[in-house]
Amino acid sequence: MKMDQLVLSSLNITEDQYHFKGQFILKASGKSKSVDLEELAKPSVLEGIKAYFDLDEPTKEIESKLMDMVMEKAHIGSKIVEGENYDESARNKKMERLAKNLDIS
């Protein structure tokens, strides 16, 4: 199975004194798995996700794509400002800033 077939849902990110925690659910082919964002740094968790969904990609690529999916989902749920004065580079800077704030170590 390819990562493109996975759906990330029920993203919940909380913050306590600048310490971010997050959980989400991965779904595909009638299977679902709850994932803790802090656990993604552990190779055993990534291997577990890879085995559970029978993913073809290497674990580093899985981790990278999952973080991209989380960042995209977190942005969609936030205030969306688009229109005449919409600045794509400002949105990208905000996404980078949010990604740096996530403490997944």
PDB file of N, CA and C in Angstrom:
ATOM      1  N   MET A   1       0.846  -1.172   0.000  1.00  0.00           N
ATOM      2  CA  MET A   1       0.000   0.000   0.000  1.00  0.00           C
ATOM      3  C   MET A   1       0.895   1.240   0.000  1.00  0.00           C
ATOM      4  N   LYS A   2       0.423   2.279  -0.614  1.00  0.00           N
ATOM      5  CA  LYS A   2       1.144   3.552  -0.676  1.00  0.00           C
ATOM      6  C   LYS A   2       0.620   4.514   0.394  1.00  0.00           C
ATOM      7  N   MET A   3       1.490   5.422   0.825  1.00  0.00           N
ATOM      8  CA  MET A   3       1.108   6.427   1.818  1.00  0.00           C
ATOM      9  C   MET A   3      -0.059   7.288   1.332  1.00  0.00           C
ATOM     10  N   ASP A   4      -0.158   7.475   0.019  1.00  0.00           N
ATOM     11  CA  ASP A   4      -1.226   8.304  -0.542  1.00  0.00           C
ATOM     12  C   ASP A   4      -2.613   7.750  -0.235  1.00  0.00           C
ATOM     13  N   GLN A   5      -2.700   6.476   0.089  1.00  0.00           N
ATOM     14  CA  GLN A   5      -3.985   5.844   0.368  1.00  0.00           C
ATOM     15  C   GLN A   5      -4.415   6.005   1.824  1.00  0.00           C
ATOM     16  N   LEU A   6      -3.510   6.479   2.677  1.00  0.00           N
ATOM     17  CA  LEU A   6      -3.841   6.696   4.086  1.00  0.00           C
ATOM     18  C   LEU A   6      -4.607   8.005   4.259  1.00  0.00           C
ATOM     19  N   VAL A   7      -5.559   7.985   5.178  1.00  0.00           N
ATOM     20  CA  VAL A   7      -6.328   9.183   5.520  1.00  0.00           C
ATOM     21  C   VAL A   7      -6.058   9.497   6.983  1.00  0.00           C
ATOM     22  N   LEU A   8      -5.690  10.741   7.248  1.00  0.00           N
ATOM     23  CA  LEU A   8      -5.460  11.188   8.610  1.00  0.00           C
ATOM     24  C   LEU A   8      -6.709  11.922   9.076  1.00  0.00           C
ATOM     25  N   SER A   9      -7.253  11.514  10.223  1.00  0.00           N
ATOM     26  CA  SER A   9      -8.464  12.163  10.737  1.00  0.00           C
ATOM     27  C   SER A   9      -8.371  12.332  12.245  1.00  0.00           C
ATOM     28  N   SER A  10      -9.330  13.033  12.794  1.00  0.00           N
ATOM     29  CA  SER A  10      -9.452  13.260  14.243  1.00  0.00           C
ATOM     30  C   SER A  10      -8.165  13.810  14.852  1.00  0.00           C
ATOM     31  N   LEU A  11      -7.554  14.761  14.168  1.00  0.00           N
ATOM     32  CA  LEU A  11      -6.336  15.385  14.682  1.00  0.00           C
ATOM     33  C   LEU A  11      -6.685  16.255  15.879  1.00  0.00           C
ATOM     34  N   ASN A  12      -5.979  16.042  16.981  1.00  0.00           N
ATOM     35  CA  ASN A  12      -6.193  16.810  18.197  1.00  0.00           C
ATOM     36  C   ASN A  12      -4.833  17.256  18.709  1.00  0.00           C
ATOM     37  N   ILE A  13      -4.568  18.557  18.635  1.00  0.00           N
ATOM     38  CA  ILE A  13      -3.301  19.107  19.115  1.00  0.00           C
ATOM     39  C   ILE A  13      -3.609  20.009  20.298  1.00  0.00           C
ATOM     40  N   THR A  14      -2.900  19.779  21.404  1.00  0.00           N
ATOM     41  CA  THR A  14      -3.079  20.601  22.596  1.00  0.00           C
ATOM     42  C   THR A  14      -1.746  21.246  22.955  1.00  0.00           C
ATOM     43  N   GLU A  15      -1.825  22.338  23.697  1.00  0.00           N
ATOM     44  CA  GLU A  15      -0.632  23.076  24.095  1.00  0.00           C
ATOM     45  C   GLU A  15      -0.738  23.408  25.574  1.00  0.00           C
ATOM     46  N   ASP A  16       0.352  23.172  26.292  1.00  0.00           N
ATOM     47  CA  ASP A  16       0.423  23.518  27.699  1.00  0.00           C
ATOM     48  C   ASP A  16       1.778  24.169  27.937  1.00  0.00           C
ATOM     49  N   GLN A  17       1.782  25.457  28.130  1.00  0.00           N
ATOM     50  CA  GLN A  17       3.003  26.231  28.318  1.00  0.00           C
ATOM     51  C   GLN A  17       4.035  25.932  27.230  1.00  0.00           C
ATOM     52  N   TYR A  18       3.619  26.051  25.995  1.00  0.00           N
ATOM     53  CA  TYR A  18       4.436  25.857  24.792  1.00  0.00           C
ATOM     54  C   TYR A  18       4.925  24.423  24.602  1.00  0.00           C
ATOM     55  N   HIS A  19       4.316  23.484  25.272  1.00  0.00           N
ATOM     56  CA  HIS A  19       4.611  22.063  25.048  1.00  0.00           C
ATOM     57  C   HIS A  19       3.407  21.479  24.308  1.00  0.00           C
ATOM     58  N   PHE A  20       3.640  21.096  23.068  1.00  0.00           N
ATOM     59  CA  PHE A  20       2.554  20.624  22.217  1.00  0.00           C
ATOM     60  C   PHE A  20       2.444  19.110  22.250  1.00  0.00           C
ATOM     61  N   LYS A  21       1.229  18.611  22.291  1.00  0.00           N
ATOM     62  CA  LYS A  21       0.948  17.179  22.224  1.00  0.00           C
ATOM     63  C   LYS A  21      -0.118  16.977  21.161  1.00  0.00           C
ATOM     64  N   GLY A  22      -0.077  15.844  20.513  1.00  0.00           N
ATOM     65  CA  GLY A  22      -1.065  15.604  19.477  1.00  0.00           C
ATOM     66  C   GLY A  22      -1.373  14.136  19.285  1.00  0.00           C
ATOM     67  N   GLN A  23      -2.577  13.870  18.842  1.00  0.00           N
ATOM     68  CA  GLN A  23      -3.029  12.522  18.516  1.00  0.00           C
ATOM     69  C   GLN A  23      -3.863  12.600  17.251  1.00  0.00           C
ATOM     70  N   PHE A  24      -3.841  11.503  16.494  1.00  0.00           N
ATOM     71  CA  PHE A  24      -4.655  11.433  15.290  1.00  0.00           C
ATOM     72  C   PHE A  24      -4.947   9.976  14.974  1.00  0.00           C
ATOM     73  N   ILE A  25      -5.839   9.768  14.034  1.00  0.00           N
ATOM     74  CA  ILE A  25      -6.203   8.419  13.599  1.00  0.00           C
ATOM     75  C   ILE A  25      -5.832   8.277  12.131  1.00  0.00           C
ATOM     76  N   LEU A  26      -5.162   7.175  11.805  1.00  0.00           N
ATOM     77  CA  LEU A  26      -4.861   6.834  10.416  1.00  0.00           C
ATOM     78  C   LEU A  26      -5.852   5.778   9.968  1.00  0.00           C
ATOM     79  N   LYS A  27      -6.378   5.939   8.748  1.00  0.00           N
ATOM     80  CA  LYS A  27      -7.355   4.984   8.218  1.00  0.00           C
ATOM     81  C   LYS A  27      -6.986   4.609   6.792  1.00  0.00           C
ATOM     82  N   ALA A  28      -7.251   3.329   6.458  1.00  0.00           N
ATOM     83  CA  ALA A  28      -7.097   2.844   5.080  1.00  0.00           C
ATOM     84  C   ALA A  28      -7.576   1.408   5.015  1.00  0.00           C
ATOM     85  N   SER A  29      -8.218   1.060   3.935  1.00  0.00           N
ATOM     86  CA  SER A  29      -8.638  -0.324   3.658  1.00  0.00           C
ATOM     87  C   SER A  29      -9.375  -0.982   4.819  1.00  0.00           C
ATOM     88  N   GLY A  30     -10.273  -0.261   5.453  1.00  0.00           N
ATOM     89  CA  GLY A  30     -11.054  -0.834   6.546  1.00  0.00           C
ATOM     90  C   GLY A  30     -10.291  -0.968   7.850  1.00  0.00           C
ATOM     91  N   LYS A  31      -9.066  -0.478   7.913  1.00  0.00           N
ATOM     92  CA  LYS A  31      -8.259  -0.519   9.135  1.00  0.00           C
ATOM     93  C   LYS A  31      -8.116   0.896   9.674  1.00  0.00           C
ATOM     94  N   SER A  32      -7.959   1.002  10.982  1.00  0.00           N
ATOM     95  CA  SER A  32      -7.656   2.304  11.577  1.00  0.00           C
ATOM     96  C   SER A  32      -6.718   2.107  12.754  1.00  0.00           C
ATOM     97  N   LYS A  33      -5.910   3.126  13.017  1.00  0.00           N
ATOM     98  CA  LYS A  33      -4.930   3.042  14.096  1.00  0.00           C
ATOM     99  C   LYS A  33      -4.778   4.424  14.719  1.00  0.00           C
ATOM    100  N   SER A  34      -4.860   4.490  16.036  1.00  0.00           N
ATOM    101  CA  SER A  34      -4.642   5.730  16.763  1.00  0.00           C
ATOM    102  C   SER A  34      -3.139   5.935  16.944  1.00  0.00           C
ATOM    103  N   VAL A  35      -2.678   7.167  16.715  1.00  0.00           N
ATOM    104  CA  VAL A  35      -1.245   7.458  16.774  1.00  0.00           C
ATOM    105  C   VAL A  35      -1.019   8.689  17.645  1.00  0.00           C
ATOM    106  N   ASP A  36      -0.021   8.605  18.515  1.00  0.00           N
ATOM    107  CA  ASP A  36       0.396   9.730  19.338  1.00  0.00           C
ATOM    108  C   ASP A  36       1.537  10.434  18.608  1.00  0.00           C
ATOM    109  N   LEU A  37       1.425  11.722  18.424  1.00  0.00           N
ATOM    110  CA  LEU A  37       2.416  12.480  17.666  1.00  0.00           C
ATOM    111  C   LEU A  37       3.809  12.381  18.283  1.00  0.00           C
ATOM    112  N   GLU A  38       3.894  12.349  19.601  1.00  0.00           N
ATOM    113  CA  GLU A  38       5.191  12.248  20.272  1.00  0.00           C
ATOM    114  C   GLU A  38       5.880  10.914  19.985  1.00  0.00           C
ATOM    115  N   GLU A  39       5.105   9.898  19.706  1.00  0.00           N
ATOM    116  CA  GLU A  39       5.651   8.563  19.468  1.00  0.00           C
ATOM    117  C   GLU A  39       6.247   8.405  18.068  1.00  0.00           C
ATOM    118  N   LEU A  40       5.974   9.341  17.165  1.00  0.00           N
ATOM    119  CA  LEU A  40       6.449   9.208  15.784  1.00  0.00           C
ATOM    120  C   LEU A  40       7.969   9.227  15.670  1.00  0.00           C
ATOM    121  N   ALA A  41       8.652   9.733  16.667  1.00  0.00           N
ATOM    122  CA  ALA A  41      10.115   9.771  16.633  1.00  0.00           C
ATOM    123  C   ALA A  41      10.720   8.392  16.906  1.00  0.00           C
ATOM    124  N   LYS A  42       9.918   7.477  17.418  1.00  0.00           N
ATOM    125  CA  LYS A  42      10.418   6.140  17.750  1.00  0.00           C
ATOM    126  C   LYS A  42      10.356   5.226  16.525  1.00  0.00           C
ATOM    127  N   PRO A  43      11.491   4.632  16.160  1.00  0.00           N
ATOM    128  CA  PRO A  43      11.503   3.720  15.000  1.00  0.00           C
ATOM    129  C   PRO A  43      10.522   2.555  15.144  1.00  0.00           C
ATOM    130  N   SER A  44      10.323   2.065  16.356  1.00  0.00           N
ATOM    131  CA  SER A  44       9.419   0.928  16.556  1.00  0.00           C
ATOM    132  C   SER A  44       7.971   1.297  16.216  1.00  0.00           C
ATOM    133  N   VAL A  45       7.575   2.522  16.510  1.00  0.00           N
ATOM    134  CA  VAL A  45       6.215   2.978  16.196  1.00  0.00           C
ATOM    135  C   VAL A  45       6.046   3.102  14.688  1.00  0.00           C
ATOM    136  N   LEU A  46       7.050   3.661  14.022  1.00  0.00           N
ATOM    137  CA  LEU A  46       6.991   3.792  12.563  1.00  0.00           C
ATOM    138  C   LEU A  46       6.967   2.419  11.895  1.00  0.00           C
ATOM    139  N   GLU A  47       7.765   1.494  12.408  1.00  0.00           N
ATOM    140  CA  GLU A  47       7.755   0.126  11.873  1.00  0.00           C
ATOM    141  C   GLU A  47       6.387  -0.521  12.092  1.00  0.00           C
ATOM    142  N   GLY A  48       5.776  -0.241  13.246  1.00  0.00           N
ATOM    143  CA  GLY A  48       4.445  -0.769  13.533  1.00  0.00           C
ATOM    144  C   GLY A  48       3.395  -0.243  12.566  1.00  0.00           C
ATOM    145  N   ILE A  49       3.463   1.043  12.266  1.00  0.00           N
ATOM    146  CA  ILE A  49       2.538   1.649  11.296  1.00  0.00           C
ATOM    147  C   ILE A  49       2.767   1.045   9.920  1.00  0.00           C
ATOM    148  N   LYS A  50       4.043   0.914   9.557  1.00  0.00           N
ATOM    149  CA  LYS A  50       4.392   0.346   8.252  1.00  0.00           C
ATOM    150  C   LYS A  50       3.852  -1.073   8.116  1.00  0.00           C
ATOM    151  N   ALA A  51       4.030  -1.882   9.150  1.00  0.00           N
ATOM    152  CA  ALA A  51       3.565  -3.273   9.115  1.00  0.00           C
ATOM    153  C   ALA A  51       2.036  -3.353   9.148  1.00  0.00           C
ATOM    154  N   TYR A  52       1.401  -2.548   9.988  1.00  0.00           N
ATOM    155  CA  TYR A  52      -0.052  -2.597  10.150  1.00  0.00           C
ATOM    156  C   TYR A  52      -0.779  -2.275   8.847  1.00  0.00           C
ATOM    157  N   PHE A  53      -0.289  -1.244   8.141  1.00  0.00           N
ATOM    158  CA  PHE A  53      -0.927  -0.845   6.888  1.00  0.00           C
ATOM    159  C   PHE A  53      -0.228  -1.431   5.660  1.00  0.00           C
ATOM    160  N   ASP A  54       0.808  -2.239   5.881  1.00  0.00           N
ATOM    161  CA  ASP A  54       1.572  -2.863   4.794  1.00  0.00           C
ATOM    162  C   ASP A  54       2.051  -1.807   3.794  1.00  0.00           C
ATOM    163  N   LEU A  55       2.728  -0.783   4.324  1.00  0.00           N
ATOM    164  CA  LEU A  55       3.195   0.332   3.500  1.00  0.00           C
ATOM    165  C   LEU A  55       4.489  -0.022   2.780  1.00  0.00           C
ATOM    166  N   ASP A  56       4.647   0.510   1.567  1.00  0.00           N
ATOM    167  CA  ASP A  56       5.816   0.234   0.739  1.00  0.00           C
ATOM    168  C   ASP A  56       6.995   1.156   1.048  1.00  0.00           C
ATOM    169  N   GLU A  57       6.731   2.376   1.505  1.00  0.00           N
ATOM    170  CA  GLU A  57       7.774   3.374   1.710  1.00  0.00           C
ATOM    171  C   GLU A  57       8.654   3.035   2.912  1.00  0.00           C
ATOM    172  N   PRO A  58       9.918   3.536   2.899  1.00  0.00           N
ATOM    173  CA  PRO A  58      10.798   3.369   4.069  1.00  0.00           C
ATOM    174  C   PRO A  58      10.287   4.202   5.248  1.00  0.00           C
ATOM    175  N   THR A  59      10.701   3.852   6.453  1.00  0.00           N
ATOM    176  CA  THR A  59      10.173   4.506   7.656  1.00  0.00           C
ATOM    177  C   THR A  59      10.466   6.006   7.694  1.00  0.00           C
ATOM    178  N   LYS A  60      11.617   6.436   7.221  1.00  0.00           N
ATOM    179  CA  LYS A  60      11.930   7.876   7.211  1.00  0.00           C
ATOM    180  C   LYS A  60      10.941   8.639   6.325  1.00  0.00           C
ATOM    181  N   GLU A  61      10.602   8.058   5.197  1.00  0.00           N
ATOM    182  CA  GLU A  61       9.638   8.695   4.294  1.00  0.00           C
ATOM    183  C   GLU A  61       8.240   8.684   4.914  1.00  0.00           C
ATOM    184  N   ILE A  62       7.908   7.615   5.611  1.00  0.00           N
ATOM    185  CA  ILE A  62       6.611   7.529   6.293  1.00  0.00           C
ATOM    186  C   ILE A  62       6.510   8.632   7.344  1.00  0.00           C
ATOM    187  N   GLU A  63       7.566   8.799   8.138  1.00  0.00           N
ATOM    188  CA  GLU A  63       7.577   9.839   9.169  1.00  0.00           C
ATOM    189  C   GLU A  63       7.413  11.224   8.543  1.00  0.00           C
ATOM    190  N   SER A  64       8.147  11.481   7.483  1.00  0.00           N
ATOM    191  CA  SER A  64       8.084  12.774   6.809  1.00  0.00           C
ATOM    192  C   SER A  64       6.689  13.044   6.241  1.00  0.00           C
ATOM    193  N   LYS A  65       6.111  12.059   5.587  1.00  0.00           N
ATOM    194  CA  LYS A  65       4.786  12.244   4.990  1.00  0.00           C
ATOM    195  C   LYS A  65       3.706  12.398   6.056  1.00  0.00           C
ATOM    196  N   LEU A  66       3.840  11.668   7.162  1.00  0.00           N
ATOM    197  CA  LEU A  66       2.866  11.814   8.247  1.00  0.00           C
ATOM    198  C   LEU A  66       2.922  13.223   8.836  1.00  0.00           C
ATOM    199  N   MET A  67       4.130  13.754   9.023  1.00  0.00           N
ATOM    200  CA  MET A  67       4.256  15.112   9.547  1.00  0.00           C
ATOM    201  C   MET A  67       3.675  16.128   8.566  1.00  0.00           C
ATOM    202  N   ASP A  68       3.883  15.906   7.271  1.00  0.00           N
ATOM    203  CA  ASP A  68       3.273  16.780   6.262  1.00  0.00           C
ATOM    204  C   ASP A  68       1.752  16.726   6.345  1.00  0.00           C
ATOM    205  N   MET A  69       1.212  15.523   6.535  1.00  0.00           N
ATOM    206  CA  MET A  69      -0.236  15.358   6.641  1.00  0.00           C
ATOM    207  C   MET A  69      -0.773  16.067   7.884  1.00  0.00           C
ATOM    208  N   VAL A  70      -0.039  15.957   8.995  1.00  0.00           N
ATOM    209  CA  VAL A  70      -0.446  16.617  10.239  1.00  0.00           C
ATOM    210  C   VAL A  70      -0.436  18.133  10.054  1.00  0.00           C
ATOM    211  N   MET A  71       0.630  18.653   9.447  1.00  0.00           N
ATOM    212  CA  MET A  71       0.728  20.101   9.237  1.00  0.00           C
ATOM    213  C   MET A  71      -0.392  20.600   8.326  1.00  0.00           C
ATOM    214  N   GLU A  72      -0.676  19.852   7.287  1.00  0.00           N
ATOM    215  CA  GLU A  72      -1.754  20.240   6.375  1.00  0.00           C
ATOM    216  C   GLU A  72      -3.101  20.214   7.086  1.00  0.00           C
ATOM    217  N   LYS A  73      -3.353  19.164   7.853  1.00  0.00           N
ATOM    218  CA  LYS A  73      -4.627  19.029   8.564  1.00  0.00           C
ATOM    219  C   LYS A  73      -4.767  20.114   9.637  1.00  0.00           C
ATOM    220  N   ALA A  74      -3.679  20.427  10.334  1.00  0.00           N
ATOM    221  CA  ALA A  74      -3.719  21.460  11.369  1.00  0.00           C
ATOM    222  C   ALA A  74      -4.024  22.820  10.753  1.00  0.00           C
ATOM    223  N   HIS A  75      -3.512  23.061   9.581  1.00  0.00           N
ATOM    224  CA  HIS A  75      -3.752  24.345   8.911  1.00  0.00           C
ATOM    225  C   HIS A  75      -5.192  24.458   8.431  1.00  0.00           C
ATOM    226  N   ILE A  76      -5.738  23.393   7.924  1.00  0.00           N
ATOM    227  CA  ILE A  76      -7.112  23.411   7.419  1.00  0.00           C
ATOM    228  C   ILE A  76      -8.088  23.747   8.540  1.00  0.00           C
ATOM    229  N   GLY A  77      -7.840  23.225   9.730  1.00  0.00           N
ATOM    230  CA  GLY A  77      -8.739  23.462  10.849  1.00  0.00           C
ATOM    231  C   GLY A  77      -8.602  24.842  11.452  1.00  0.00           C
ATOM    232  N   SER A  78      -7.552  25.566  11.086  1.00  0.00           N
ATOM    233  CA  SER A  78      -7.345  26.891  11.644  1.00  0.00           C
ATOM    234  C   SER A  78      -8.039  27.938  10.782  1.00  0.00           C
ATOM    235  N   LYS A  79      -7.884  29.168  11.159  1.00  0.00           N
ATOM    236  CA  LYS A  79      -8.513  30.271  10.428  1.00  0.00           C
ATOM    237  C   LYS A  79      -7.959  30.327   9.001  1.00  0.00           C
ATOM    238  N   ILE A  80      -8.822  30.217   8.036  1.00  0.00           N
ATOM    239  CA  ILE A  80      -8.414  30.248   6.639  1.00  0.00           C
ATOM    240  C   ILE A  80      -8.664  31.654   6.096  1.00  0.00           C
ATOM    241  N   VAL A  81      -7.595  32.297   5.639  1.00  0.00           N
ATOM    242  CA  VAL A  81      -7.701  33.639   5.089  1.00  0.00           C
ATOM    243  C   VAL A  81      -7.196  33.588   3.654  1.00  0.00           C
ATOM    244  N   GLU A  82      -8.104  33.643   2.727  1.00  0.00           N
ATOM    245  CA  GLU A  82      -7.745  33.659   1.317  1.00  0.00           C
ATOM    246  C   GLU A  82      -8.624  34.679   0.621  1.00  0.00           C
ATOM    247  N   GLY A  83      -8.112  35.232  -0.406  1.00  0.00           N
ATOM    248  CA  GLY A  83      -8.887  36.210  -1.158  1.00  0.00           C
ATOM    249  C   GLY A  83      -7.980  37.147  -1.909  1.00  0.00           C
ATOM    250  N   GLU A  84      -8.437  38.376  -2.068  1.00  0.00           N
ATOM    251  CA  GLU A  84      -7.737  39.352  -2.888  1.00  0.00           C
ATOM    252  C   GLU A  84      -6.310  39.613  -2.406  1.00  0.00           C
ATOM    253  N   ASN A  85      -6.101  39.696  -1.097  1.00  0.00           N
ATOM    254  CA  ASN A  85      -4.778  40.004  -0.551  1.00  0.00           C
ATOM    255  C   ASN A  85      -4.078  38.773   0.022  1.00  0.00           C
ATOM    256  N   TYR A  86      -4.461  37.602  -0.424  1.00  0.00           N
ATOM    257  CA  TYR A  86      -3.892  36.354   0.080  1.00  0.00           C
ATOM    258  C   TYR A  86      -2.431  36.239  -0.340  1.00  0.00           C
ATOM    259  N   ASP A  87      -1.562  35.945   0.621  1.00  0.00           N
ATOM    260  CA  ASP A  87      -0.127  35.840   0.367  1.00  0.00           C
ATOM    261  C   ASP A  87       0.332  34.414   0.670  1.00  0.00           C
ATOM    262  N   GLU A  88       0.673  33.655  -0.368  1.00  0.00           N
ATOM    263  CA  GLU A  88       1.089  32.258  -0.213  1.00  0.00           C
ATOM    264  C   GLU A  88       2.364  32.142   0.620  1.00  0.00           C
ATOM    265  N   SER A  89       3.317  33.055   0.451  1.00  0.00           N
ATOM    266  CA  SER A  89       4.574  32.970   1.201  1.00  0.00           C
ATOM    267  C   SER A  89       4.333  33.193   2.695  1.00  0.00           C
ATOM    268  N   ALA A  90       3.400  34.057   3.053  1.00  0.00           N
ATOM    269  CA  ALA A  90       3.074  34.271   4.465  1.00  0.00           C
ATOM    270  C   ALA A  90       2.480  33.004   5.067  1.00  0.00           C
ATOM    271  N   ARG A  91       1.641  32.320   4.300  1.00  0.00           N
ATOM    272  CA  ARG A  91       1.061  31.060   4.772  1.00  0.00           C
ATOM    273  C   ARG A  91       2.157  30.026   4.981  1.00  0.00           C
ATOM    274  N   ASN A  92       3.105  29.942   4.053  1.00  0.00           N
ATOM    275  CA  ASN A  92       4.197  28.974   4.173  1.00  0.00           C
ATOM    276  C   ASN A  92       5.075  29.272   5.379  1.00  0.00           C
ATOM    277  N   LYS A  93       5.340  30.555   5.647  1.00  0.00           N
ATOM    278  CA  LYS A  93       6.135  30.929   6.816  1.00  0.00           C
ATOM    279  C   LYS A  93       5.415  30.528   8.096  1.00  0.00           C
ATOM    280  N   LYS A  94       4.104  30.734   8.119  1.00  0.00           N
ATOM    281  CA  LYS A  94       3.321  30.364   9.299  1.00  0.00           C
ATOM    282  C   LYS A  94       3.367  28.855   9.511  1.00  0.00           C
ATOM    283  N   MET A  95       3.273  28.078   8.437  1.00  0.00           N
ATOM    284  CA  MET A  95       3.321  26.617   8.542  1.00  0.00           C
ATOM    285  C   MET A  95       4.680  26.158   9.059  1.00  0.00           C
ATOM    286  N   GLU A  96       5.760  26.774   8.593  1.00  0.00           N
ATOM    287  CA  GLU A  96       7.100  26.428   9.067  1.00  0.00           C
ATOM    288  C   GLU A  96       7.240  26.748  10.548  1.00  0.00           C
ATOM    289  N   ARG A  97       6.705  27.904  10.955  1.00  0.00           N
ATOM    290  CA  ARG A  97       6.764  28.296  12.356  1.00  0.00           C
ATOM    291  C   ARG A  97       5.999  27.304  13.229  1.00  0.00           C
ATOM    292  N   LEU A  98       4.828  26.877  12.778  1.00  0.00           N
ATOM    293  CA  LEU A  98       4.043  25.898  13.531  1.00  0.00           C
ATOM    294  C   LEU A  98       4.767  24.561  13.615  1.00  0.00           C
ATOM    295  N   ALA A  99       5.406  24.155  12.535  1.00  0.00           N
ATOM    296  CA  ALA A  99       6.126  22.881  12.521  1.00  0.00           C
ATOM    297  C   ALA A  99       7.288  22.907  13.502  1.00  0.00           C
ATOM    298  N   LYS A 100       7.970  24.035  13.598  1.00  0.00           N
ATOM    299  CA  LYS A 100       9.101  24.147  14.519  1.00  0.00           C
ATOM    300  C   LYS A 100       8.642  24.117  15.972  1.00  0.00           C
ATOM    301  N   ASN A 101       7.407  24.555  16.235  1.00  0.00           N
ATOM    302  CA  ASN A 101       6.886  24.587  17.599  1.00  0.00           C
ATOM    303  C   ASN A 101       6.482  23.217  18.116  1.00  0.00           C
ATOM    304  N   LEU A 102       6.244  22.271  17.211  1.00  0.00           N
ATOM    305  CA  LEU A 102       5.853  20.939  17.659  1.00  0.00           C
ATOM    306  C   LEU A 102       7.047  20.235  18.272  1.00  0.00           C
ATOM    307  N   ASP A 103       6.911  19.799  19.485  1.00  0.00           N
ATOM    308  CA  ASP A 103       7.989  19.106  20.177  1.00  0.00           C
ATOM    309  C   ASP A 103       7.693  17.620  20.121  1.00  0.00           C
ATOM    310  N   ILE A 104       8.320  16.907  19.157  1.00  0.00           N
ATOM    311  CA  ILE A 104       8.042  15.476  19.016  1.00  0.00           C
ATOM    312  C   ILE A 104       9.202  14.628  19.508  1.00  0.00           C
ATOM    313  N   SER A 105      10.113  15.236  20.270  1.00  0.00           N
ATOM    314  CA  SER A 105      11.247  14.453  20.770  1.00  0.00           C
ATOM    315  C   SER A 105      10.932  13.816  22.089  1.00  0.00           C
TER     316      SER A 105
END
